[in-house]
Amino acid sequence: MMTLLTVTAKGQVTLRKELLQHLGIAPGDKVTVDLLPDGRAEIRAARASGTIEDFFGCLAGPGTPRLSIEEINEATAAGWAGET
């Protein structure tokens, strides 16, 4: 699959929906970019490290299921205890 992207005047590129889906990236996720020889780059989905910051990132976003206060408290306690 070859995808052509356009660089804006600000030097930004928007990744197309089909590319994000292929990489398994959802809104709010992070990506890593490795610079390779000959002007190439490799982009990958950044996998969660299981930190409390990863939990905070899942709180927002369309399509995210609403949790009860009990579920939030359990998830927060597990995150702070390093159990995730």
PDB file of N, CA and C in Angstrom:
ATOM      1  N   MET A   1       0.853  -1.181   0.000  1.00  0.00           N
ATOM      2  CA  MET A   1       0.000   0.000   0.000  1.00  0.00           C
ATOM      3  C   MET A   1       0.891   1.234   0.000  1.00  0.00           C
ATOM      4  N   MET A   2       0.654   2.109  -0.932  1.00  0.00           N
ATOM      5  CA  MET A   2       1.399   3.358  -1.025  1.00  0.00           C
ATOM      6  C   MET A   2       0.427   4.500  -0.770  1.00  0.00           C
ATOM      7  N   THR A   3       0.774   5.371   0.173  1.00  0.00           N
ATOM      8  CA  THR A   3      -0.068   6.506   0.497  1.00  0.00           C
ATOM      9  C   THR A   3       0.723   7.781   0.278  1.00  0.00           C
ATOM     10  N   LEU A   4       0.162   8.711  -0.448  1.00  0.00           N
ATOM     11  CA  LEU A   4       0.793   9.999  -0.700  1.00  0.00           C
ATOM     12  C   LEU A   4       0.206  11.018   0.268  1.00  0.00           C
ATOM     13  N   LEU A   5       1.076  11.687   1.020  1.00  0.00           N
ATOM     14  CA  LEU A   5       0.654  12.692   1.990  1.00  0.00           C
ATOM     15  C   LEU A   5       1.219  14.044   1.571  1.00  0.00           C
ATOM     16  N   THR A   6       0.552  15.109   1.969  1.00  0.00           N
ATOM     17  CA  THR A   6       0.974  16.460   1.621  1.00  0.00           C
ATOM     18  C   THR A   6       1.470  17.172   2.875  1.00  0.00           C
ATOM     19  N   VAL A   7       2.587  17.864   2.753  1.00  0.00           N
ATOM     20  CA  VAL A   7       3.146  18.643   3.857  1.00  0.00           C
ATOM     21  C   VAL A   7       2.541  20.043   3.799  1.00  0.00           C
ATOM     22  N   THR A   8       2.039  20.514   4.950  1.00  0.00           N
ATOM     23  CA  THR A   8       1.447  21.848   5.012  1.00  0.00           C
ATOM     24  C   THR A   8       2.538  22.922   5.090  1.00  0.00           C
ATOM     25  N   ALA A   9       2.132  24.175   5.016  1.00  0.00           N
ATOM     26  CA  ALA A   9       3.070  25.290   5.129  1.00  0.00           C
ATOM     27  C   ALA A   9       3.752  25.307   6.497  1.00  0.00           C
ATOM     28  N   LYS A  10       3.106  24.729   7.502  1.00  0.00           N
ATOM     29  CA  LYS A  10       3.677  24.646   8.848  1.00  0.00           C
ATOM     30  C   LYS A  10       4.598  23.442   9.010  1.00  0.00           C
ATOM     31  N   GLY A  11       4.761  22.648   7.947  1.00  0.00           N
ATOM     32  CA  GLY A  11       5.630  21.476   8.026  1.00  0.00           C
ATOM     33  C   GLY A  11       4.956  20.277   8.663  1.00  0.00           C
ATOM     34  N   GLN A  12       3.643  20.243   8.671  1.00  0.00           N
ATOM     35  CA  GLN A  12       2.887  19.163   9.285  1.00  0.00           C
ATOM     36  C   GLN A  12       2.300  18.243   8.233  1.00  0.00           C
ATOM     37  N   VAL A  13       2.100  16.990   8.627  1.00  0.00           N
ATOM     38  CA  VAL A  13       1.491  15.995   7.757  1.00  0.00           C
ATOM     39  C   VAL A  13       0.345  15.351   8.523  1.00  0.00           C
ATOM     40  N   THR A  14      -0.793  15.189   7.874  1.00  0.00           N
ATOM     41  CA  THR A  14      -1.922  14.485   8.478  1.00  0.00           C
ATOM     42  C   THR A  14      -1.917  13.060   7.964  1.00  0.00           C
ATOM     43  N   LEU A  15      -1.929  12.094   8.894  1.00  0.00           N
ATOM     44  CA  LEU A  15      -1.959  10.686   8.499  1.00  0.00           C
ATOM     45  C   LEU A  15      -3.393  10.299   8.172  1.00  0.00           C
ATOM     46  N   ARG A  16      -3.581   9.646   7.064  1.00  0.00           N
ATOM     47  CA  ARG A  16      -4.920   9.263   6.609  1.00  0.00           C
ATOM     48  C   ARG A  16      -5.513   8.165   7.490  1.00  0.00           C
ATOM     49  N   LYS A  17      -6.836   8.143   7.523  1.00  0.00           N
ATOM     50  CA  LYS A  17      -7.571   7.210   8.370  1.00  0.00           C
ATOM     51  C   LYS A  17      -7.162   5.758   8.123  1.00  0.00           C
ATOM     52  N   GLU A  18      -7.027   5.363   6.857  1.00  0.00           N
ATOM     53  CA  GLU A  18      -6.678   3.973   6.550  1.00  0.00           C
ATOM     54  C   GLU A  18      -5.273   3.625   7.052  1.00  0.00           C
ATOM     55  N   LEU A  19      -4.363   4.594   7.065  1.00  0.00           N
ATOM     56  CA  LEU A  19      -3.021   4.368   7.590  1.00  0.00           C
ATOM     57  C   LEU A  19      -3.068   4.193   9.103  1.00  0.00           C
ATOM     58  N   LEU A  20      -3.833   5.036   9.781  1.00  0.00           N
ATOM     59  CA  LEU A  20      -3.976   4.918  11.234  1.00  0.00           C
ATOM     60  C   LEU A  20      -4.605   3.587  11.610  1.00  0.00           C
ATOM     61  N   GLN A  21      -5.610   3.161  10.854  1.00  0.00           N
ATOM     62  CA  GLN A  21      -6.248   1.871  11.127  1.00  0.00           C
ATOM     63  C   GLN A  21      -5.264   0.731  10.925  1.00  0.00           C
ATOM     64  N   HIS A  22      -4.458   0.798   9.878  1.00  0.00           N
ATOM     65  CA  HIS A  22      -3.459  -0.232   9.603  1.00  0.00           C
ATOM     66  C   HIS A  22      -2.459  -0.347  10.756  1.00  0.00           C
ATOM     67  N   LEU A  23      -2.096   0.795  11.331  1.00  0.00           N
ATOM     68  CA  LEU A  23      -1.143   0.815  12.441  1.00  0.00           C
ATOM     69  C   LEU A  23      -1.803   0.516  13.784  1.00  0.00           C
ATOM     70  N   GLY A  24      -3.133   0.488  13.820  1.00  0.00           N
ATOM     71  CA  GLY A  24      -3.838   0.250  15.074  1.00  0.00           C
ATOM     72  C   GLY A  24      -3.807   1.451  15.996  1.00  0.00           C
ATOM     73  N   ILE A  25      -3.828   2.641  15.406  1.00  0.00           N
ATOM     74  CA  ILE A  25      -3.742   3.888  16.173  1.00  0.00           C
ATOM     75  C   ILE A  25      -5.116   4.527  16.254  1.00  0.00           C
ATOM     76  N   ALA A  26      -5.519   4.908  17.462  1.00  0.00           N
ATOM     77  CA  ALA A  26      -6.797   5.568  17.704  1.00  0.00           C
ATOM     78  C   ALA A  26      -6.536   7.003  18.158  1.00  0.00           C
ATOM     79  N   PRO A  27      -7.553   7.864  18.102  1.00  0.00           N
ATOM     80  CA  PRO A  27      -7.377   9.238  18.590  1.00  0.00           C
ATOM     81  C   PRO A  27      -6.832   9.251  20.014  1.00  0.00           C
ATOM     82  N   GLY A  28      -5.830  10.070  20.241  1.00  0.00           N
ATOM     83  CA  GLY A  28      -5.198  10.168  21.556  1.00  0.00           C
ATOM     84  C   GLY A  28      -3.999   9.256  21.720  1.00  0.00           C
ATOM     85  N   ASP A  29      -3.830   8.258  20.839  1.00  0.00           N
ATOM     86  CA  ASP A  29      -2.664   7.369  20.906  1.00  0.00           C
ATOM     87  C   ASP A  29      -1.420   8.131  20.468  1.00  0.00           C
ATOM     88  N   LYS A  30      -0.284   7.553  20.754  1.00  0.00           N
ATOM     89  CA  LYS A  30       0.996   8.137  20.371  1.00  0.00           C
ATOM     90  C   LYS A  30       1.678   7.243  19.341  1.00  0.00           C
ATOM     91  N   VAL A  31       2.563   7.838  18.559  1.00  0.00           N
ATOM     92  CA  VAL A  31       3.340   7.091  17.575  1.00  0.00           C
ATOM     93  C   VAL A  31       4.818   7.349  17.822  1.00  0.00           C
ATOM     94  N   THR A  32       5.649   6.409  17.390  1.00  0.00           N
ATOM     95  CA  THR A  32       7.089   6.613  17.425  1.00  0.00           C
ATOM     96  C   THR A  32       7.578   6.686  15.991  1.00  0.00           C
ATOM     97  N   VAL A  33       8.595   7.500  15.774  1.00  0.00           N
ATOM     98  CA  VAL A  33       9.197   7.633  14.458  1.00  0.00           C
ATOM     99  C   VAL A  33      10.695   7.407  14.610  1.00  0.00           C
ATOM    100  N   ASP A  34      11.212   6.423  13.896  1.00  0.00           N
ATOM    101  CA  ASP A  34      12.646   6.147  13.875  1.00  0.00           C
ATOM    102  C   ASP A  34      13.207   6.677  12.571  1.00  0.00           C
ATOM    103  N   LEU A  35      14.258   7.493  12.663  1.00  0.00           N
ATOM    104  CA  LEU A  35      14.907   8.016  11.469  1.00  0.00           C
ATOM    105  C   LEU A  35      15.913   6.979  10.985  1.00  0.00           C
ATOM    106  N   LEU A  36      15.804   6.597   9.719  1.00  0.00           N
ATOM    107  CA  LEU A  36      16.635   5.564   9.118  1.00  0.00           C
ATOM    108  C   LEU A  36      17.582   6.192   8.092  1.00  0.00           C
ATOM    109  N   PRO A  37      18.580   5.445   7.646  1.00  0.00           N
ATOM    110  CA  PRO A  37      19.502   5.989   6.635  1.00  0.00           C
ATOM    111  C   PRO A  37      18.773   6.363   5.346  1.00  0.00           C
ATOM    112  N   ASP A  38      19.430   7.127   4.537  1.00  0.00           N
ATOM    113  CA  ASP A  38      18.940   7.511   3.212  1.00  0.00           C
ATOM    114  C   ASP A  38      17.644   8.309   3.248  1.00  0.00           C
ATOM    115  N   GLY A  39      17.406   9.086   4.309  1.00  0.00           N
ATOM    116  CA  GLY A  39      16.233   9.939   4.375  1.00  0.00           C
ATOM    117  C   GLY A  39      14.932   9.213   4.617  1.00  0.00           C
ATOM    118  N   ARG A  40      14.983   7.973   5.074  1.00  0.00           N
ATOM    119  CA  ARG A  40      13.765   7.213   5.352  1.00  0.00           C
ATOM    120  C   ARG A  40      13.392   7.330   6.827  1.00  0.00           C
ATOM    121  N   ALA A  41      12.131   7.058   7.120  1.00  0.00           N
ATOM    122  CA  ALA A  41      11.640   7.058   8.491  1.00  0.00           C
ATOM    123  C   ALA A  41      10.679   5.884   8.660  1.00  0.00           C
ATOM    124  N   GLU A  42      10.626   5.357   9.874  1.00  0.00           N
ATOM    125  CA  GLU A  42       9.701   4.266  10.185  1.00  0.00           C
ATOM    126  C   GLU A  42       8.760   4.740  11.283  1.00  0.00           C
ATOM    127  N   ILE A  43       7.458   4.635  11.032  1.00  0.00           N
ATOM    128  CA  ILE A  43       6.461   5.069  12.004  1.00  0.00           C
ATOM    129  C   ILE A  43       5.741   3.845  12.548  1.00  0.00           C
ATOM    130  N   ARG A  44       5.568   3.815  13.881  1.00  0.00           N
ATOM    131  CA  ARG A  44       4.891   2.699  14.544  1.00  0.00           C
ATOM    132  C   ARG A  44       4.012   3.240  15.660  1.00  0.00           C
ATOM    133  N   ALA A  45       3.017   2.451  16.012  1.00  0.00           N
ATOM    134  CA  ALA A  45       2.198   2.791  17.174  1.00  0.00           C
ATOM    135  C   ALA A  45       3.062   2.624  18.414  1.00  0.00           C
ATOM    136  N   ALA A  46       3.017   3.604  19.303  1.00  0.00           N
ATOM    137  CA  ALA A  46       3.744   3.505  20.573  1.00  0.00           C
ATOM    138  C   ALA A  46       2.898   2.652  21.507  1.00  0.00           C
ATOM    139  N   ARG A  47       3.442   1.587  21.971  1.00  0.00           N
ATOM    140  CA  ARG A  47       2.702   0.684  22.851  1.00  0.00           C
ATOM    141  C   ARG A  47       2.723   1.209  24.279  1.00  0.00           C
ATOM    142  N   ALA A  48       1.606   1.056  24.962  1.00  0.00           N
ATOM    143  CA  ALA A  48       1.464   1.535  26.338  1.00  0.00           C
ATOM    144  C   ALA A  48       2.473   0.851  27.246  1.00  0.00           C
ATOM    145  N   SER A  49       3.009   1.632  28.158  1.00  0.00           N
ATOM    146  CA  SER A  49       3.992   1.099  29.088  1.00  0.00           C
ATOM    147  C   SER A  49       3.366   0.671  30.404  1.00  0.00           C
ATOM    148  N   GLY A  50       2.056   0.866  30.547  1.00  0.00           N
ATOM    149  CA  GLY A  50       1.393   0.457  31.779  1.00  0.00           C
ATOM    150  C   GLY A  50       1.587   1.437  32.928  1.00  0.00           C
ATOM    151  N   THR A  51       1.810   2.692  32.619  1.00  0.00           N
ATOM    152  CA  THR A  51       1.985   3.693  33.667  1.00  0.00           C
ATOM    153  C   THR A  51       0.656   4.373  33.961  1.00  0.00           C
ATOM    154  N   ILE A  52       0.620   5.118  35.028  1.00  0.00           N
ATOM    155  CA  ILE A  52      -0.584   5.839  35.391  1.00  0.00           C
ATOM    156  C   ILE A  52      -0.907   6.887  34.322  1.00  0.00           C
ATOM    157  N   GLU A  53       0.122   7.429  33.647  1.00  0.00           N
ATOM    158  CA  GLU A  53      -0.113   8.391  32.581  1.00  0.00           C
ATOM    159  C   GLU A  53      -0.882   7.745  31.428  1.00  0.00           C
ATOM    160  N   ASP A  54      -0.628   6.455  31.170  1.00  0.00           N
ATOM    161  CA  ASP A  54      -1.372   5.749  30.131  1.00  0.00           C
ATOM    162  C   ASP A  54      -2.847   5.666  30.500  1.00  0.00           C
ATOM    163  N   PHE A  55      -3.135   5.461  31.771  1.00  0.00           N
ATOM    164  CA  PHE A  55      -4.525   5.400  32.227  1.00  0.00           C
ATOM    165  C   PHE A  55      -5.201   6.747  32.024  1.00  0.00           C
ATOM    166  N   PHE A  56      -4.524   7.838  32.373  1.00  0.00           N
ATOM    167  CA  PHE A  56      -5.106   9.162  32.204  1.00  0.00           C
ATOM    168  C   PHE A  56      -5.468   9.412  30.748  1.00  0.00           C
ATOM    169  N   GLY A  57      -4.647   8.939  29.822  1.00  0.00           N
ATOM    170  CA  GLY A  57      -4.896   9.140  28.409  1.00  0.00           C
ATOM    171  C   GLY A  57      -6.151   8.454  27.908  1.00  0.00           C
ATOM    172  N   CYS A  58      -6.606   7.410  28.586  1.00  0.00           N
ATOM    173  CA  CYS A  58      -7.785   6.682  28.110  1.00  0.00           C
ATOM    174  C   CYS A  58      -9.084   7.305  28.589  1.00  0.00           C
ATOM    175  N   LEU A  59      -9.022   8.329  29.406  1.00  0.00           N
ATOM    176  CA  LEU A  59     -10.241   8.903  29.966  1.00  0.00           C
ATOM    177  C   LEU A  59     -11.041   9.713  28.955  1.00  0.00           C
ATOM    178  N   ALA A  60     -10.368  10.295  27.988  1.00  0.00           N
ATOM    179  CA  ALA A  60     -11.062  11.157  27.034  1.00  0.00           C
ATOM    180  C   ALA A  60     -11.151  10.476  25.680  1.00  0.00           C
ATOM    181  N   GLY A  61     -12.035  10.955  24.885  1.00  0.00           N
ATOM    182  CA  GLY A  61     -12.115  10.473  23.516  1.00  0.00           C
ATOM    183  C   GLY A  61     -13.479   9.945  23.168  1.00  0.00           C
ATOM    184  N   PRO A  62     -13.882  10.209  21.940  1.00  0.00           N
ATOM    185  CA  PRO A  62     -15.182   9.704  21.505  1.00  0.00           C
ATOM    186  C   PRO A  62     -15.174   8.186  21.445  1.00  0.00           C
ATOM    187  N   GLY A  63     -16.284   7.577  21.812  1.00  0.00           N
ATOM    188  CA  GLY A  63     -16.391   6.121  21.777  1.00  0.00           C
ATOM    189  C   GLY A  63     -15.843   5.432  23.009  1.00  0.00           C
ATOM    190  N   THR A  64     -15.254   6.191  23.935  1.00  0.00           N
ATOM    191  CA  THR A  64     -14.741   5.597  25.161  1.00  0.00           C
ATOM    192  C   THR A  64     -15.921   5.311  26.087  1.00  0.00           C
ATOM    193  N   PRO A  65     -16.063   4.054  26.548  1.00  0.00           N
ATOM    194  CA  PRO A  65     -17.204   3.743  27.416  1.00  0.00           C
ATOM    195  C   PRO A  65     -17.108   4.498  28.739  1.00  0.00           C
ATOM    196  N   ARG A  66     -18.242   4.863  29.246  1.00  0.00           N
ATOM    197  CA  ARG A  66     -18.275   5.541  30.545  1.00  0.00           C
ATOM    198  C   ARG A  66     -18.110   4.501  31.648  1.00  0.00           C
ATOM    199  N   LEU A  67     -17.295   4.838  32.633  1.00  0.00           N
ATOM    200  CA  LEU A  67     -17.042   3.931  33.748  1.00  0.00           C
ATOM    201  C   LEU A  67     -17.753   4.440  34.998  1.00  0.00           C
ATOM    202  N   SER A  68     -18.113   3.507  35.849  1.00  0.00           N
ATOM    203  CA  SER A  68     -18.691   3.903  37.132  1.00  0.00           C
ATOM    204  C   SER A  68     -17.559   4.409  38.020  1.00  0.00           C
ATOM    205  N   ILE A  69     -17.899   5.127  39.080  1.00  0.00           N
ATOM    206  CA  ILE A  69     -16.879   5.632  40.004  1.00  0.00           C
ATOM    207  C   ILE A  69     -16.117   4.471  40.633  1.00  0.00           C
ATOM    208  N   GLU A  70     -16.795   3.353  40.846  1.00  0.00           N
ATOM    209  CA  GLU A  70     -16.118   2.177  41.407  1.00  0.00           C
ATOM    210  C   GLU A  70     -15.076   1.623  40.425  1.00  0.00           C
ATOM    211  N   GLU A  71     -15.429   1.562  39.135  1.00  0.00           N
ATOM    212  CA  GLU A  71     -14.484   1.083  38.124  1.00  0.00           C
ATOM    213  C   GLU A  71     -13.298   2.029  37.986  1.00  0.00           C
ATOM    214  N   ILE A  72     -13.557   3.325  38.060  1.00  0.00           N
ATOM    215  CA  ILE A  72     -12.473   4.307  37.991  1.00  0.00           C
ATOM    216  C   ILE A  72     -11.552   4.155  39.196  1.00  0.00           C
ATOM    217  N   ASN A  73     -12.132   4.011  40.378  1.00  0.00           N
ATOM    218  CA  ASN A  73     -11.322   3.851  41.592  1.00  0.00           C
ATOM    219  C   ASN A  73     -10.471   2.588  41.527  1.00  0.00           C
ATOM    220  N   GLU A  74     -11.041   1.481  41.031  1.00  0.00           N
ATOM    221  CA  GLU A  74     -10.283   0.236  40.914  1.00  0.00           C
ATOM    222  C   GLU A  74      -9.139   0.380  39.923  1.00  0.00           C
ATOM    223  N   ALA A  75      -9.407   0.986  38.776  1.00  0.00           N
ATOM    224  CA  ALA A  75      -8.374   1.171  37.760  1.00  0.00           C
ATOM    225  C   ALA A  75      -7.266   2.092  38.254  1.00  0.00           C
ATOM    226  N   THR A  76      -7.655   3.164  38.953  1.00  0.00           N
ATOM    227  CA  THR A  76      -6.666   4.098  39.494  1.00  0.00           C
ATOM    228  C   THR A  76      -5.796   3.420  40.534  1.00  0.00           C
ATOM    229  N   ALA A  77      -6.397   2.672  41.436  1.00  0.00           N
ATOM    230  CA  ALA A  77      -5.634   1.967  42.477  1.00  0.00           C
ATOM    231  C   ALA A  77      -4.676   0.958  41.851  1.00  0.00           C
ATOM    232  N   ALA A  78      -5.129   0.236  40.849  1.00  0.00           N
ATOM    233  CA  ALA A  78      -4.267  -0.747  40.181  1.00  0.00           C
ATOM    234  C   ALA A  78      -3.113  -0.036  39.468  1.00  0.00           C
ATOM    235  N   GLY A  79      -3.396   1.107  38.839  1.00  0.00           N
ATOM    236  CA  GLY A  79      -2.340   1.852  38.149  1.00  0.00           C
ATOM    237  C   GLY A  79      -1.285   2.372  39.101  1.00  0.00           C
ATOM    238  N   TRP A  80      -1.704   2.944  40.206  1.00  0.00           N
ATOM    239  CA  TRP A  80      -0.739   3.467  41.183  1.00  0.00           C
ATOM    240  C   TRP A  80       0.050   2.343  41.838  1.00  0.00           C
ATOM    241  N   ALA A  81      -0.555   1.159  41.944  1.00  0.00           N
ATOM    242  CA  ALA A  81       0.136   0.009  42.539  1.00  0.00           C
ATOM    243  C   ALA A  81       1.044  -0.695  41.528  1.00  0.00           C
ATOM    244  N   GLY A  82       1.022  -0.235  40.281  1.00  0.00           N
ATOM    245  CA  GLY A  82       1.876  -0.831  39.262  1.00  0.00           C
ATOM    246  C   GLY A  82       1.355  -2.159  38.764  1.00  0.00           C
ATOM    247  N   GLU A  83       0.059  -2.411  38.898  1.00  0.00           N
ATOM    248  CA  GLU A  83      -0.534  -3.695  38.527  1.00  0.00           C
ATOM    249  C   GLU A  83      -1.023  -3.723  37.079  1.00  0.00           C
ATOM    250  N   THR A  84      -0.885  -2.615  36.349  1.00  0.00           N
ATOM    251  CA  THR A  84      -1.352  -2.602  34.958  1.00  0.00           C
ATOM    252  C   THR A  84      -0.202  -2.680  34.015  1.00  0.00           C
TER     253      THR A  84
END
